[in-house]
Amino acid sequence: MNPRAKLVVLASAGLAIVGMSSLSASARIICNEDGDCWHAPGEYAYPPAVHLFVHPDDWRWREGEHYAWKEHQGRGYWHGGEWRAF
C-alpha cells in the first residue's frame, strides 16, 4: 500500500471513530408520569398524549424521588406498565 492510500485509510478510520462517539452523545433518558425511565438512543417523536419527560443522558433523579429504570429494546415507550412499540 502506498503512503497516500495509507493516509486515506487512517483519515477515514479517524472520522469513523469521531462519528461513532458523537452518536452516543445523542442518547436521552425518557421518563413517564408513572416514574418509569429508559434510555433512548436518539430523538423520537412520541405521541403528545403520553406526557413524557426527556432528559439528557447524564440526568439522574434526586434521592427520595420515585423513579425506576425499565429498559426495553426497540423504539417505543412505557405507558400504564406496558411497553408500546412504534
PDB file of N, CA and C in Angstrom:
ATOM      1  N   MET A   1       0.857  -1.173   0.000  1.00  0.00           N
ATOM      2  CA  MET A   1       0.000   0.000   0.000  1.00  0.00           C
ATOM      3  C   MET A   1       0.902   1.235   0.000  1.00  0.00           C
ATOM      4  N   ASN A   2       0.617   2.175  -0.865  1.00  0.00           N
ATOM      5  CA  ASN A   2       1.450   3.371  -0.945  1.00  0.00           C
ATOM      6  C   ASN A   2       1.111   4.348   0.185  1.00  0.00           C
ATOM      7  N   PRO A   3       1.989   5.305   0.461  1.00  0.00           N
ATOM      8  CA  PRO A   3       1.768   6.230   1.583  1.00  0.00           C
ATOM      9  C   PRO A   3       0.469   7.036   1.462  1.00  0.00           C
ATOM     10  N   ARG A   4       0.097   7.398   0.258  1.00  0.00           N
ATOM     11  CA  ARG A   4      -1.141   8.187   0.077  1.00  0.00           C
ATOM     12  C   ARG A   4      -2.369   7.349   0.452  1.00  0.00           C
ATOM     13  N   ALA A   5      -2.395   6.092   0.044  1.00  0.00           N
ATOM     14  CA  ALA A   5      -3.508   5.204   0.385  1.00  0.00           C
ATOM     15  C   ALA A   5      -3.583   4.977   1.892  1.00  0.00           C
ATOM     16  N   LYS A   6      -2.436   4.842   2.540  1.00  0.00           N
ATOM     17  CA  LYS A   6      -2.414   4.669   3.999  1.00  0.00           C
ATOM     18  C   LYS A   6      -3.005   5.895   4.689  1.00  0.00           C
ATOM     19  N   LEU A   7      -2.657   7.075   4.172  1.00  0.00           N
ATOM     20  CA  LEU A   7      -3.176   8.313   4.754  1.00  0.00           C
ATOM     21  C   LEU A   7      -4.697   8.385   4.617  1.00  0.00           C
ATOM     22  N   VAL A   8      -5.221   7.989   3.482  1.00  0.00           N
ATOM     23  CA  VAL A   8      -6.673   7.992   3.261  1.00  0.00           C
ATOM     24  C   VAL A   8      -7.359   7.013   4.211  1.00  0.00           C
ATOM     25  N   VAL A   9      -6.786   5.836   4.380  1.00  0.00           N
ATOM     26  CA  VAL A   9      -7.365   4.836   5.281  1.00  0.00           C
ATOM     27  C   VAL A   9      -7.346   5.338   6.721  1.00  0.00           C
ATOM     28  N   LEU A  10      -6.228   5.915   7.157  1.00  0.00           N
ATOM     29  CA  LEU A  10      -6.135   6.436   8.528  1.00  0.00           C
ATOM     30  C   LEU A  10      -7.117   7.590   8.751  1.00  0.00           C
ATOM     31  N   ALA A  11      -7.250   8.470   7.776  1.00  0.00           N
ATOM     32  CA  ALA A  11      -8.190   9.583   7.912  1.00  0.00           C
ATOM     33  C   ALA A  11      -9.623   9.076   7.985  1.00  0.00           C
ATOM     34  N   SER A  12      -9.952   8.088   7.172  1.00  0.00           N
ATOM     35  CA  SER A  12     -11.300   7.512   7.197  1.00  0.00           C
ATOM     36  C   SER A  12     -11.589   6.853   8.537  1.00  0.00           C
ATOM     37  N   ALA A  13     -10.610   6.139   9.074  1.00  0.00           N
ATOM     38  CA  ALA A  13     -10.786   5.485  10.370  1.00  0.00           C
ATOM     39  C   ALA A  13     -10.986   6.525  11.471  1.00  0.00           C
ATOM     40  N   GLY A  14     -10.222   7.610  11.394  1.00  0.00           N
ATOM     41  CA  GLY A  14     -10.368   8.674  12.387  1.00  0.00           C
ATOM     42  C   GLY A  14     -11.752   9.311  12.337  1.00  0.00           C
ATOM     43  N   LEU A  15     -12.245   9.569  11.143  1.00  0.00           N
ATOM     44  CA  LEU A  15     -13.585  10.135  11.004  1.00  0.00           C
ATOM     45  C   LEU A  15     -14.663   9.182  11.504  1.00  0.00           C
ATOM     46  N   ALA A  16     -14.476   7.897  11.271  1.00  0.00           N
ATOM     47  CA  ALA A  16     -15.443   6.909  11.749  1.00  0.00           C
ATOM     48  C   ALA A  16     -15.490   6.887  13.272  1.00  0.00           C
ATOM     49  N   ILE A  17     -14.343   6.985  13.913  1.00  0.00           N
ATOM     50  CA  ILE A  17     -14.291   6.983  15.383  1.00  0.00           C
ATOM     51  C   ILE A  17     -14.986   8.226  15.935  1.00  0.00           C
ATOM     52  N   VAL A  18     -14.707   9.376  15.336  1.00  0.00           N
ATOM     53  CA  VAL A  18     -15.356  10.607  15.780  1.00  0.00           C
ATOM     54  C   VAL A  18     -16.869  10.519  15.565  1.00  0.00           C
ATOM     55  N   GLY A  19     -17.279   9.973  14.446  1.00  0.00           N
ATOM     56  CA  GLY A  19     -18.707   9.824  14.168  1.00  0.00           C
ATOM     57  C   GLY A  19     -19.401   8.921  15.161  1.00  0.00           C
ATOM     58  N   MET A  20     -18.774   7.820  15.525  1.00  0.00           N
ATOM     59  CA  MET A  20     -19.384   6.896  16.492  1.00  0.00           C
ATOM     60  C   MET A  20     -19.456   7.518  17.868  1.00  0.00           C
ATOM     61  N   SER A  21     -18.466   8.297  18.261  1.00  0.00           N
ATOM     62  CA  SER A  21     -18.506   8.913  19.581  1.00  0.00           C
ATOM     63  C   SER A  21     -19.599   9.962  19.659  1.00  0.00           C
ATOM     64  N   SER A  22     -19.908  10.631  18.555  1.00  0.00           N
ATOM     65  CA  SER A  22     -20.973  11.629  18.580  1.00  0.00           C
ATOM     66  C   SER A  22     -22.345  10.975  18.652  1.00  0.00           C
ATOM     67  N   LEU A  23     -22.490   9.744  18.191  1.00  0.00           N
ATOM     68  CA  LEU A  23     -23.771   9.051  18.284  1.00  0.00           C
ATOM     69  C   LEU A  23     -24.159   8.797  19.722  1.00  0.00           C
ATOM     70  N   SER A  24     -23.199   8.430  20.557  1.00  0.00           N
ATOM     71  CA  SER A  24     -23.520   8.154  21.944  1.00  0.00           C
ATOM     72  C   SER A  24     -23.929   9.417  22.693  1.00  0.00           C
ATOM     73  N   ALA A  25     -23.501  10.573  22.220  1.00  0.00           N
ATOM     74  CA  ALA A  25     -23.841  11.823  22.878  1.00  0.00           C
ATOM     75  C   ALA A  25     -25.291  12.211  22.637  1.00  0.00           C
ATOM     76  N   SER A  26     -25.949  11.616  21.670  1.00  0.00           N
ATOM     77  CA  SER A  26     -27.325  11.984  21.375  1.00  0.00           C
ATOM     78  C   SER A  26     -28.334  11.156  22.165  1.00  0.00           C
ATOM     79  N   ALA A  27     -27.883  10.299  23.042  1.00  0.00           N
ATOM     80  CA  ALA A  27     -28.799   9.472  23.834  1.00  0.00           C
ATOM     81  C   ALA A  27     -29.597  10.349  24.795  1.00  0.00           C
ATOM     82  N   ARG A  28     -30.762   9.884  25.131  1.00  0.00           N
ATOM     83  CA  ARG A  28     -31.648  10.603  26.044  1.00  0.00           C
ATOM     84  C   ARG A  28     -32.183   9.638  27.103  1.00  0.00           C
ATOM     85  N   ILE A  29     -32.584  10.195  28.225  1.00  0.00           N
ATOM     86  CA  ILE A  29     -33.323   9.445  29.239  1.00  0.00           C
ATOM     87  C   ILE A  29     -34.752   9.951  29.182  1.00  0.00           C
ATOM     88  N   ILE A  30     -35.680   9.039  29.006  1.00  0.00           N
ATOM     89  CA  ILE A  30     -37.089   9.378  28.912  1.00  0.00           C
ATOM     90  C   ILE A  30     -37.795   8.828  30.148  1.00  0.00           C
ATOM     91  N   CYS A  31     -38.646   9.623  30.760  1.00  0.00           N
ATOM     92  CA  CYS A  31     -39.439   9.174  31.912  1.00  0.00           C
ATOM     93  C   CYS A  31     -40.903   9.517  31.657  1.00  0.00           C
ATOM     94  N   ASN A  32     -41.783   8.650  32.127  1.00  0.00           N
ATOM     95  CA  ASN A  32     -43.212   8.931  32.009  1.00  0.00           C
ATOM     96  C   ASN A  32     -43.763   9.428  33.348  1.00  0.00           C
ATOM     97  N   GLU A  33     -45.046   9.724  33.382  1.00  0.00           N
ATOM     98  CA  GLU A  33     -45.669  10.242  34.602  1.00  0.00           C
ATOM     99  C   GLU A  33     -45.675   9.231  35.741  1.00  0.00           C
ATOM    100  N   ASP A  34     -45.563   7.934  35.421  1.00  0.00           N
ATOM    101  CA  ASP A  34     -45.541   6.891  36.444  1.00  0.00           C
ATOM    102  C   ASP A  34     -44.167   6.728  37.087  1.00  0.00           C
ATOM    103  N   GLY A  35     -43.144   7.404  36.538  1.00  0.00           N
ATOM    104  CA  GLY A  35     -41.791   7.286  37.072  1.00  0.00           C
ATOM    105  C   GLY A  35     -40.965   6.199  36.407  1.00  0.00           C
ATOM    106  N   ASP A  36     -41.465   5.606  35.328  1.00  0.00           N
ATOM    107  CA  ASP A  36     -40.698   4.623  34.562  1.00  0.00           C
ATOM    108  C   ASP A  36     -39.736   5.379  33.658  1.00  0.00           C
ATOM    109  N   CYS A  37     -38.453   5.023  33.693  1.00  0.00           N
ATOM    110  CA  CYS A  37     -37.439   5.700  32.888  1.00  0.00           C
ATOM    111  C   CYS A  37     -36.680   4.681  32.048  1.00  0.00           C
ATOM    112  N   TRP A  38     -36.260   5.102  30.870  1.00  0.00           N
ATOM    113  CA  TRP A  38     -35.490   4.236  29.975  1.00  0.00           C
ATOM    114  C   TRP A  38     -34.587   5.094  29.105  1.00  0.00           C
ATOM    115  N   HIS A  39     -33.589   4.464  28.513  1.00  0.00           N
ATOM    116  CA  HIS A  39     -32.679   5.160  27.602  1.00  0.00           C
ATOM    117  C   HIS A  39     -33.208   5.073  26.176  1.00  0.00           C
ATOM    118  N   ALA A  40     -33.140   6.166  25.457  1.00  0.00           N
ATOM    119  CA  ALA A  40     -33.483   6.197  24.032  1.00  0.00           C
ATOM    120  C   ALA A  40     -32.226   6.612  23.281  1.00  0.00           C
ATOM    121  N   PRO A  41     -31.827   5.850  22.270  1.00  0.00           N
ATOM    122  CA  PRO A  41     -30.577   6.159  21.564  1.00  0.00           C
ATOM    123  C   PRO A  41     -30.637   7.417  20.718  1.00  0.00           C
ATOM    124  N   GLY A  42     -31.793   7.952  20.468  1.00  0.00           N
ATOM    125  CA  GLY A  42     -31.924   9.162  19.659  1.00  0.00           C
ATOM    126  C   GLY A  42     -33.185   9.905  20.031  1.00  0.00           C
ATOM    127  N   GLU A  43     -33.540  10.865  19.209  1.00  0.00           N
ATOM    128  CA  GLU A  43     -34.753  11.639  19.451  1.00  0.00           C
ATOM    129  C   GLU A  43     -35.890  11.052  18.630  1.00  0.00           C
ATOM    130  N   TYR A  44     -36.967  10.708  19.305  1.00  0.00           N
ATOM    131  CA  TYR A  44     -38.142  10.170  18.643  1.00  0.00           C
ATOM    132  C   TYR A  44     -39.306  11.131  18.840  1.00  0.00           C
ATOM    133  N   ALA A  45     -40.266  11.074  17.953  1.00  0.00           N
ATOM    134  CA  ALA A  45     -41.488  11.862  18.097  1.00  0.00           C
ATOM    135  C   ALA A  45     -42.520  10.997  18.810  1.00  0.00           C
ATOM    136  N   TYR A  46     -42.673  11.215  20.109  1.00  0.00           N
ATOM    137  CA  TYR A  46     -43.630  10.457  20.905  1.00  0.00           C
ATOM    138  C   TYR A  46     -45.008  11.105  20.806  1.00  0.00           C
ATOM    139  N   PRO A  47     -46.074  10.325  20.967  1.00  0.00           N
ATOM    140  CA  PRO A  47     -47.415  10.915  20.949  1.00  0.00           C
ATOM    141  C   PRO A  47     -47.560  11.930  22.088  1.00  0.00           C
ATOM    142  N   PRO A  48     -48.082  13.124  21.826  1.00  0.00           N
ATOM    143  CA  PRO A  48     -48.178  14.156  22.866  1.00  0.00           C
ATOM    144  C   PRO A  48     -49.052  13.744  24.050  1.00  0.00           C
ATOM    145  N   ALA A  49     -50.032  12.893  23.842  1.00  0.00           N
ATOM    146  CA  ALA A  49     -50.937  12.499  24.922  1.00  0.00           C
ATOM    147  C   ALA A  49     -50.262  11.620  25.970  1.00  0.00           C
ATOM    148  N   VAL A  50     -49.067  11.140  25.691  1.00  0.00           N
ATOM    149  CA  VAL A  50     -48.395  10.224  26.624  1.00  0.00           C
ATOM    150  C   VAL A  50     -47.733  10.967  27.781  1.00  0.00           C
ATOM    151  N   HIS A  51     -47.412  12.239  27.624  1.00  0.00           N
ATOM    152  CA  HIS A  51     -46.807  13.069  28.677  1.00  0.00           C
ATOM    153  C   HIS A  51     -45.473  12.495  29.163  1.00  0.00           C
ATOM    154  N   LEU A  52     -44.480  12.516  28.306  1.00  0.00           N
ATOM    155  CA  LEU A  52     -43.146  12.041  28.646  1.00  0.00           C
ATOM    156  C   LEU A  52     -42.223  13.220  28.931  1.00  0.00           C
ATOM    157  N   PHE A  53     -41.207  12.957  29.725  1.00  0.00           N
ATOM    158  CA  PHE A  53     -40.208  13.955  30.064  1.00  0.00           C
ATOM    159  C   PHE A  53     -38.877  13.495  29.484  1.00  0.00           C
ATOM    160  N   VAL A  54     -38.251  14.336  28.681  1.00  0.00           N
ATOM    161  CA  VAL A  54     -36.991  13.992  28.030  1.00  0.00           C
ATOM    162  C   VAL A  54     -35.861  14.693  28.773  1.00  0.00           C
ATOM    163  N   HIS A  55     -34.865  13.896  29.185  1.00  0.00           N
ATOM    164  CA  HIS A  55     -33.719  14.412  29.932  1.00  0.00           C
ATOM    165  C   HIS A  55     -32.432  14.085  29.168  1.00  0.00           C
ATOM    166  N   PRO A  56     -31.359  14.837  29.411  1.00  0.00           N
ATOM    167  CA  PRO A  56     -30.066  14.467  28.804  1.00  0.00           C
ATOM    168  C   PRO A  56     -29.565  13.153  29.388  1.00  0.00           C
ATOM    169  N   ASP A  57     -28.631  12.526  28.691  1.00  0.00           N
ATOM    170  CA  ASP A  57     -28.145  11.204  29.088  1.00  0.00           C
ATOM    171  C   ASP A  57     -27.469  11.191  30.458  1.00  0.00           C
ATOM    172  N   ASP A  58     -26.975  12.315  30.932  1.00  0.00           N
ATOM    173  CA  ASP A  58     -26.308  12.342  32.245  1.00  0.00           C
ATOM    174  C   ASP A  58     -27.259  12.735  33.381  1.00  0.00           C
ATOM    175  N   TRP A  59     -28.560  12.842  33.090  1.00  0.00           N
ATOM    176  CA  TRP A  59     -29.550  13.205  34.109  1.00  0.00           C
ATOM    177  C   TRP A  59     -29.694  12.093  35.140  1.00  0.00           C
ATOM    178  N   ARG A  60     -29.833  12.447  36.389  1.00  0.00           N
ATOM    179  CA  ARG A  60     -30.084  11.491  37.484  1.00  0.00           C
ATOM    180  C   ARG A  60     -31.166  12.068  38.378  1.00  0.00           C
ATOM    181  N   TRP A  61     -32.037  11.197  38.880  1.00  0.00           N
ATOM    182  CA  TRP A  61     -33.047  11.696  39.803  1.00  0.00           C
ATOM    183  C   TRP A  61     -32.435  11.863  41.182  1.00  0.00           C
ATOM    184  N   ARG A  62     -33.077  12.716  41.954  1.00  0.00           N
ATOM    185  CA  ARG A  62     -32.576  13.005  43.294  1.00  0.00           C
ATOM    186  C   ARG A  62     -33.084  11.970  44.293  1.00  0.00           C
ATOM    187  N   GLU A  63     -32.375  11.859  45.380  1.00  0.00           N
ATOM    188  CA  GLU A  63     -32.775  10.929  46.434  1.00  0.00           C
ATOM    189  C   GLU A  63     -34.176  11.279  46.920  1.00  0.00           C
ATOM    190  N   GLY A  64     -35.002  10.279  47.061  1.00  0.00           N
ATOM    191  CA  GLY A  64     -36.373  10.469  47.507  1.00  0.00           C
ATOM    192  C   GLY A  64     -37.376  10.601  46.370  1.00  0.00           C
ATOM    193  N   GLU A  65     -36.900  10.827  45.142  1.00  0.00           N
ATOM    194  CA  GLU A  65     -37.819  10.888  44.012  1.00  0.00           C
ATOM    195  C   GLU A  65     -38.165   9.465  43.594  1.00  0.00           C
ATOM    196  N   HIS A  66     -39.351   9.266  43.078  1.00  0.00           N
ATOM    197  CA  HIS A  66     -39.847   7.924  42.778  1.00  0.00           C
ATOM    198  C   HIS A  66     -39.749   7.618  41.280  1.00  0.00           C
ATOM    199  N   TYR A  67     -38.569   7.204  40.882  1.00  0.00           N
ATOM    200  CA  TYR A  67     -38.308   6.777  39.509  1.00  0.00           C
ATOM    201  C   TYR A  67     -37.732   5.371  39.533  1.00  0.00           C
ATOM    202  N   ALA A  68     -37.864   4.661  38.426  1.00  0.00           N
ATOM    203  CA  ALA A  68     -37.291   3.312  38.316  1.00  0.00           C
ATOM    204  C   ALA A  68     -36.879   3.081  36.870  1.00  0.00           C
ATOM    205  N   TRP A  69     -35.752   2.378  36.694  1.00  0.00           N
ATOM    206  CA  TRP A  69     -35.301   2.014  35.348  1.00  0.00           C
ATOM    207  C   TRP A  69     -36.150   0.876  34.816  1.00  0.00           C
ATOM    208  N   LYS A  70     -36.633   1.035  33.605  1.00  0.00           N
ATOM    209  CA  LYS A  70     -37.370  -0.021  32.911  1.00  0.00           C
ATOM    210  C   LYS A  70     -36.882  -0.014  31.464  1.00  0.00           C
ATOM    211  N   GLU A  71     -35.720  -0.587  31.247  1.00  0.00           N
ATOM    212  CA  GLU A  71     -35.145  -0.603  29.907  1.00  0.00           C
ATOM    213  C   GLU A  71     -35.908  -1.574  29.001  1.00  0.00           C
ATOM    214  N   HIS A  72     -35.869  -1.297  27.712  1.00  0.00           N
ATOM    215  CA  HIS A  72     -36.520  -2.165  26.736  1.00  0.00           C
ATOM    216  C   HIS A  72     -35.843  -1.973  25.393  1.00  0.00           C
ATOM    217  N   GLN A  73     -35.710  -3.032  24.638  1.00  0.00           N
ATOM    218  CA  GLN A  73     -35.137  -2.955  23.303  1.00  0.00           C
ATOM    219  C   GLN A  73     -36.165  -2.413  22.323  1.00  0.00           C
ATOM    220  N   GLY A  74     -35.694  -1.691  21.350  1.00  0.00           N
ATOM    221  CA  GLY A  74     -36.586  -1.212  20.304  1.00  0.00           C
ATOM    222  C   GLY A  74     -37.090   0.194  20.568  1.00  0.00           C
ATOM    223  N   ARG A  75     -37.840   0.676  19.618  1.00  0.00           N
ATOM    224  CA  ARG A  75     -38.369   2.026  19.662  1.00  0.00           C
ATOM    225  C   ARG A  75     -39.787   1.995  20.217  1.00  0.00           C
ATOM    226  N   GLY A  76     -40.025   2.777  21.257  1.00  0.00           N
ATOM    227  CA  GLY A  76     -41.337   2.806  21.874  1.00  0.00           C
ATOM    228  C   GLY A  76     -41.310   3.560  23.188  1.00  0.00           C
ATOM    229  N   TYR A  77     -42.293   3.286  24.046  1.00  0.00           N
ATOM    230  CA  TYR A  77     -42.390   3.971  25.329  1.00  0.00           C
ATOM    231  C   TYR A  77     -43.201   3.116  26.304  1.00  0.00           C
ATOM    232  N   TRP A  78     -42.980   3.372  27.589  1.00  0.00           N
ATOM    233  CA  TRP A  78     -43.753   2.711  28.640  1.00  0.00           C
ATOM    234  C   TRP A  78     -45.001   3.541  28.914  1.00  0.00           C
ATOM    235  N   HIS A  79     -46.138   2.860  29.022  1.00  0.00           N
ATOM    236  CA  HIS A  79     -47.389   3.535  29.356  1.00  0.00           C
ATOM    237  C   HIS A  79     -48.278   2.544  30.104  1.00  0.00           C
ATOM    238  N   GLY A  80     -48.662   2.907  31.318  1.00  0.00           N
ATOM    239  CA  GLY A  80     -49.520   2.028  32.108  1.00  0.00           C
ATOM    240  C   GLY A  80     -48.878   0.692  32.433  1.00  0.00           C
ATOM    241  N   GLY A  81     -47.549   0.673  32.576  1.00  0.00           N
ATOM    242  CA  GLY A  81     -46.835  -0.557  32.904  1.00  0.00           C
ATOM    243  C   GLY A  81     -46.571  -1.469  31.721  1.00  0.00           C
ATOM    244  N   GLU A  82     -46.934  -1.040  30.512  1.00  0.00           N
ATOM    245  CA  GLU A  82     -46.722  -1.848  29.302  1.00  0.00           C
ATOM    246  C   GLU A  82     -45.850  -1.098  28.310  1.00  0.00           C
ATOM    247  N   TRP A  83     -45.010  -1.848  27.594  1.00  0.00           N
ATOM    248  CA  TRP A  83     -44.186  -1.255  26.541  1.00  0.00           C
ATOM    249  C   TRP A  83     -45.015  -1.171  25.269  1.00  0.00           C
ATOM    250  N   ARG A  84     -45.066   0.006  24.693  1.00  0.00           N
ATOM    251  CA  ARG A  84     -45.813   0.226  23.459  1.00  0.00           C
ATOM    252  C   ARG A  84     -44.827   0.604  22.359  1.00  0.00           C
ATOM    253  N   ALA A  85     -44.634  -0.321  21.465  1.00  0.00           N
ATOM    254  CA  ALA A  85     -43.689  -0.103  20.359  1.00  0.00           C
ATOM    255  C   ALA A  85     -44.329   0.749  19.278  1.00  0.00           C
ATOM    256  N   PHE A  86     -43.480   1.503  18.589  1.00  0.00           N
ATOM    257  CA  PHE A  86     -43.963   2.243  17.419  1.00  0.00           C
ATOM    258  C   PHE A  86     -42.871   2.329  16.380  1.00  0.00           C
TER     259      PHE A  86
END
